[in-house]
C-alpha atoms as a PDB file:
ATOM      1  CA  MET A   1     172.048 103.679  79.524  1.00  0.00           C
ATOM      2  CA  ARG A   2     172.111 106.262  82.320  1.00  0.00           C
ATOM      3  CA  GLY A   3     175.894 106.154  82.542  1.00  0.00           C
ATOM      4  CA  ASP A   4     176.051 106.843  78.835  1.00  0.00           C
ATOM      5  CA  VAL A   5     174.068 110.056  79.268  1.00  0.00           C
ATOM      6  CA  MET A   6     176.504 111.338  81.883  1.00  0.00           C
ATOM      7  CA  GLN A   7     179.473 110.417  79.716  1.00  0.00           C
ATOM      8  CA  TRP A   8     177.938 112.240  76.759  1.00  0.00           C
ATOM      9  CA  MET A   9     177.301 115.277  78.952  1.00  0.00           C
ATOM     10  CA  GLY A  10     180.972 115.257  79.954  1.00  0.00           C
ATOM     11  CA  ARG A  11     181.997 115.028  76.321  1.00  0.00           C
ATOM     12  CA  LEU A  12     179.627 117.859  75.420  1.00  0.00           C
ATOM     13  CA  VAL A  13     181.173 120.054  78.135  1.00  0.00           C
ATOM     14  CA  ALA A  14     184.642 119.215  76.789  1.00  0.00           C
ATOM     15  CA  VAL A  15     183.621 120.085  73.218  1.00  0.00           C
ATOM     16  CA  VAL A  16     182.050 123.394  74.268  1.00  0.00           C
ATOM     17  CA  PHE A  17     185.176 124.174  76.292  1.00  0.00           C
ATOM     18  CA  GLY A  18     187.397 123.414  73.283  1.00  0.00           C
ATOM     19  CA  LEU A  19     185.314 125.581  70.972  1.00  0.00           C
ATOM     20  CA  GLY A  20     185.372 128.413  73.507  1.00  0.00           C
ATOM     21  CA  VAL A  21     189.153 128.198  73.798  1.00  0.00           C
ATOM     22  CA  LEU A  22     189.561 128.255  70.023  1.00  0.00           C
ATOM     23  CA  ALA A  23     187.182 131.229  69.711  1.00  0.00           C
ATOM     24  CA  LEU A  24     189.061 133.171  72.400  1.00  0.00           C
ATOM     25  CA  ILE A  25     192.429 132.454  70.836  1.00  0.00           C
ATOM     26  CA  GLY A  26     191.085 133.496  67.442  1.00  0.00           C
ATOM     27  CA  ALA A  27     189.632 136.727  68.830  1.00  0.00           C
ATOM     28  CA  VAL A  28     192.889 137.661  70.572  1.00  0.00           C
ATOM     29  CA  VAL A  29     194.929 136.889  67.437  1.00  0.00           C
ATOM     30  CA  VAL A  30     192.627 138.987  65.242  1.00  0.00           C
ATOM     31  CA  LEU A  31     192.730 141.905  67.689  1.00  0.00           C
ATOM     32  CA  ILE A  32     196.517 141.761  67.905  1.00  0.00           C
ATOM     33  CA  GLN A  33     196.855 141.659  64.104  1.00  0.00           C
ATOM     34  CA  GLN A  34     194.543 144.673  63.676  1.00  0.00           C
ATOM     35  CA  ALA A  35     196.384 146.724  66.286  1.00  0.00           C
ATOM     36  CA  GLU A  36     199.567 148.591  65.463  1.00  0.00           C
ATOM     37  CA  GLY A  37     201.255 147.512  68.691  1.00  0.00           C
ATOM     38  CA  VAL A  38     200.421 144.847  71.220  1.00  0.00           C
ATOM     39  CA  PRO A  39     197.197 146.013  72.839  1.00  0.00           C
ATOM     40  CA  PRO A  40     197.243 144.973  76.506  1.00  0.00           C
ATOM     41  CA  MET A  41     193.475 145.110  77.056  1.00  0.00           C
ATOM     42  CA  PRO A  42     192.391 142.495  74.448  1.00  0.00           C
ATOM     43  CA  VAL A  43     195.170 140.157  75.537  1.00  0.00           C
ATOM     44  CA  PHE A  44     194.186 140.604  79.181  1.00  0.00           C
ATOM     45  CA  LEU A  45     190.494 140.044  78.409  1.00  0.00           C
ATOM     46  CA  GLY A  46     191.365 136.966  76.337  1.00  0.00           C
ATOM     47  CA  LEU A  47     193.368 135.478  79.200  1.00  0.00           C
ATOM     48  CA  LEU A  48     190.595 136.376  81.648  1.00  0.00           C
ATOM     49  CA  GLY A  49     188.036 134.703  79.388  1.00  0.00           C
ATOM     50  CA  MET A  50     190.261 131.630  79.118  1.00  0.00           C
ATOM     51  CA  THR A  51     190.505 131.449  82.912  1.00  0.00           C
ATOM     52  CA  VAL A  52     186.733 131.726  83.304  1.00  0.00           C
ATOM     53  CA  LEU A  53     186.201 129.006  80.675  1.00  0.00           C
ATOM     54  CA  ILE A  54     188.645 126.684  82.425  1.00  0.00           C
ATOM     55  CA  LEU A  55     186.969 127.233  85.802  1.00  0.00           C
ATOM     56  CA  LEU A  56     183.452 126.713  84.426  1.00  0.00           C
ATOM     57  CA  ALA A  57     184.425 123.588  82.495  1.00  0.00           C
ATOM     58  CA  GLY A  58     186.171 122.198  85.568  1.00  0.00           C
ATOM     59  CA  ALA A  59     183.130 122.883  87.738  1.00  0.00           C
ATOM     60  CA  CYS A  60     180.785 121.215  85.228  1.00  0.00           C
ATOM     61  CA  LEU A  61     183.004 118.160  84.887  1.00  0.00           C
ATOM     62  CA  ALA A  62     183.357 117.907  88.676  1.00  0.00           C
ATOM     63  CA  LEU A  63     179.575 117.989  89.141  1.00  0.00           C
ATOM     64  CA  ILE A  64     179.119 115.334  86.469  1.00  0.00           C
ATOM     65  CA  SER A  65     181.793 113.185  88.118  1.00  0.00           C
ATOM     66  CA  ILE A  66     180.127 113.533  91.527  1.00  0.00           C
ATOM     67  CA  ALA A  67     176.746 112.591  90.044  1.00  0.00           C
ATOM     68  CA  VAL A  68     178.197 109.506  88.342  1.00  0.00           C
ATOM     69  CA  SER A  69     179.988 108.431  91.539  1.00  0.00           C
ATOM     70  CA  ALA A  70     176.856 108.899  93.640  1.00  0.00           C
ATOM     71  CA  ARG A  71     174.771 106.892  91.198  1.00  0.00           C
ATOM     72  CA  ARG A  72     177.337 104.076  91.149  1.00  0.00           C
ATOM     73  CA  GLY A  73     177.363 104.059  94.949  1.00  0.00           C
ATOM     74  CA  VAL A  74     173.587 103.789  95.112  1.00  0.00           C
ATOM     75  CA  GLU A  75     173.594 100.994  92.542  1.00  0.00           C
ATOM     76  CA  ALA A  76     176.292  99.151  94.520  1.00  0.00           C
ATOM     77  CA  LEU A  77     174.285  99.475  97.748  1.00  0.00           C
ATOM     78  CA  ARG A  78     171.182  98.182  96.014  1.00  0.00           C
ATOM     79  CA  ALA A  79     173.155  95.247  94.597  1.00  0.00           C
ATOM     80  CA  MET A  80     174.447  94.395  98.081  1.00  0.00           C
ATOM     81  CA  GLY A  81     170.913  94.444  99.438  1.00  0.00           C
ATOM     82  CA  GLY A  82     171.485  97.398 101.724  1.00  0.00           C
ATOM     83  CA  ALA A  83     168.411  99.245 100.519  1.00  0.00           C
ATOM     84  CA  ALA A  84     165.540  98.365 102.826  1.00  0.00           C
ATOM     85  CA  PRO A  85     161.996  99.251 101.862  1.00  0.00           C
ATOM     86  CA  VAL A  86     160.659 102.362 103.594  1.00  0.00           C
ATOM     87  CA  ALA A  87     157.919 100.438 105.424  1.00  0.00           C
ATOM     88  CA  VAL A  88     160.447  98.020 106.957  1.00  0.00           C
ATOM     89  CA  ALA A  89     162.755 100.849 107.987  1.00  0.00           C
ATOM     90  CA  GLU A  90     159.906 102.656 109.750  1.00  0.00           C
ATOM     91  CA  GLU A  91     158.880  99.492 111.625  1.00  0.00           C
ATOM     92  CA  GLU A  92     162.439  98.840 112.799  1.00  0.00           C
ATOM     93  CA  ALA A  93     162.939 102.400 114.008  1.00  0.00           C
ATOM     94  CA  GLU A  94     163.515 102.536 117.740  1.00  0.00           C
ATOM     95  CA  PRO A  95     160.999 104.472 119.828  1.00  0.00           C
ATOM     96  CA  GLU A  96     162.186 107.856 121.007  1.00  0.00           C
ATOM     97  CA  MET A  97     163.750 107.957 124.462  1.00  0.00           C
ATOM     98  CA  GLN A  98     161.881 109.768 127.162  1.00  0.00           C
ATOM     99  CA  GLY A  99     163.724 112.799 128.485  1.00  0.00           C
ATOM    100  CA  PRO A 100     167.071 114.315 127.495  1.00  0.00           C
ATOM    101  CA  PRO A 101     169.623 111.876 126.050  1.00  0.00           C
ATOM    102  CA  PHE A 102     172.598 112.914 128.203  1.00  0.00           C
ATOM    103  CA  THR A 103     171.066 112.402 131.622  1.00  0.00           C
ATOM    104  CA  PRO A 104     172.350 109.571 133.818  1.00  0.00           C
ATOM    105  CA  THR A 105     169.222 107.525 133.125  1.00  0.00           C
ATOM    106  CA  GLY A 106     169.414 108.140 129.357  1.00  0.00           C
ATOM    107  CA  LEU A 107     173.082 107.107 129.263  1.00  0.00           C
ATOM    108  CA  ALA A 108     172.397 104.065 131.446  1.00  0.00           C
ATOM    109  CA  GLU A 109     169.617 102.934 129.100  1.00  0.00           C
ATOM    110  CA  ALA A 110     171.953 103.277 126.148  1.00  0.00           C
ATOM    111  CA  ALA A 111     174.722 101.318 127.912  1.00  0.00           C
ATOM    112  CA  ILE A 112     172.388  98.485 128.962  1.00  0.00           C
ATOM    113  CA  ALA A 113     170.716  98.155 125.560  1.00  0.00           C
ATOM    114  CA  PRO A 114     171.048  94.601 124.215  1.00  0.00           C
ATOM    115  CA  PRO A 115     173.263  94.175 121.155  1.00  0.00           C
ATOM    116  CA  ARG A 116     171.459  93.967 117.867  1.00  0.00           C
ATOM    117  CA  PRO A 117     171.575  90.614 116.092  1.00  0.00           C
ATOM    118  CA  PRO A 118     173.637  90.639 112.898  1.00  0.00           C
ATOM    119  CA  ARG A 119     171.738  91.028 109.668  1.00  0.00           C
ATOM    120  CA  PRO A 120     171.437  87.946 107.453  1.00  0.00           C
ATOM    121  CA  GLY A 121     174.347  87.588 105.105  1.00  0.00           C
ATOM    122  CA  ARG A 122     176.687  89.678 107.292  1.00  0.00           C
ATOM    123  CA  VAL A 123     179.756  88.372 109.110  1.00  0.00           C
ATOM    124  CA  LEU A 124     180.895  89.666 112.498  1.00  0.00           C
ATOM    125  CA  VAL A 125     184.453  90.945 112.139  1.00  0.00           C
ATOM    126  CA  ALA A 126     185.224  92.239 115.627  1.00  0.00           C
ATOM    127  CA  GLU A 127     183.593  92.733 119.013  1.00  0.00           C
ATOM    128  CA  ARG A 128     183.959  95.619 121.396  1.00  0.00           C
END
């Protein structure tokens, strides 16, 4: 149902964009018909308004697309079992190293650290 809401928001943005374009075109046509010559200012403002509408609609649709992609990514990670509960993640966190990390002893500790065992359900593809 959540995906449907985002799709409807995208459609709503498209409809508002379409109505805005039609209103701008109508306003420019009416102003040109009422003028004795071709007035440059209303035409310029109409084109400027059209540009702003296109940019705003594009930005809204891009944000909606990013939100939908992020949600799908989170759902895919949850389906794969990659989402660990917060309590488990805090227990598995490594203790902080004593001292600066780029000292010879800090680098030696990192180089000597034993390899982590693979998580259940994962397959080792390559070794270093």
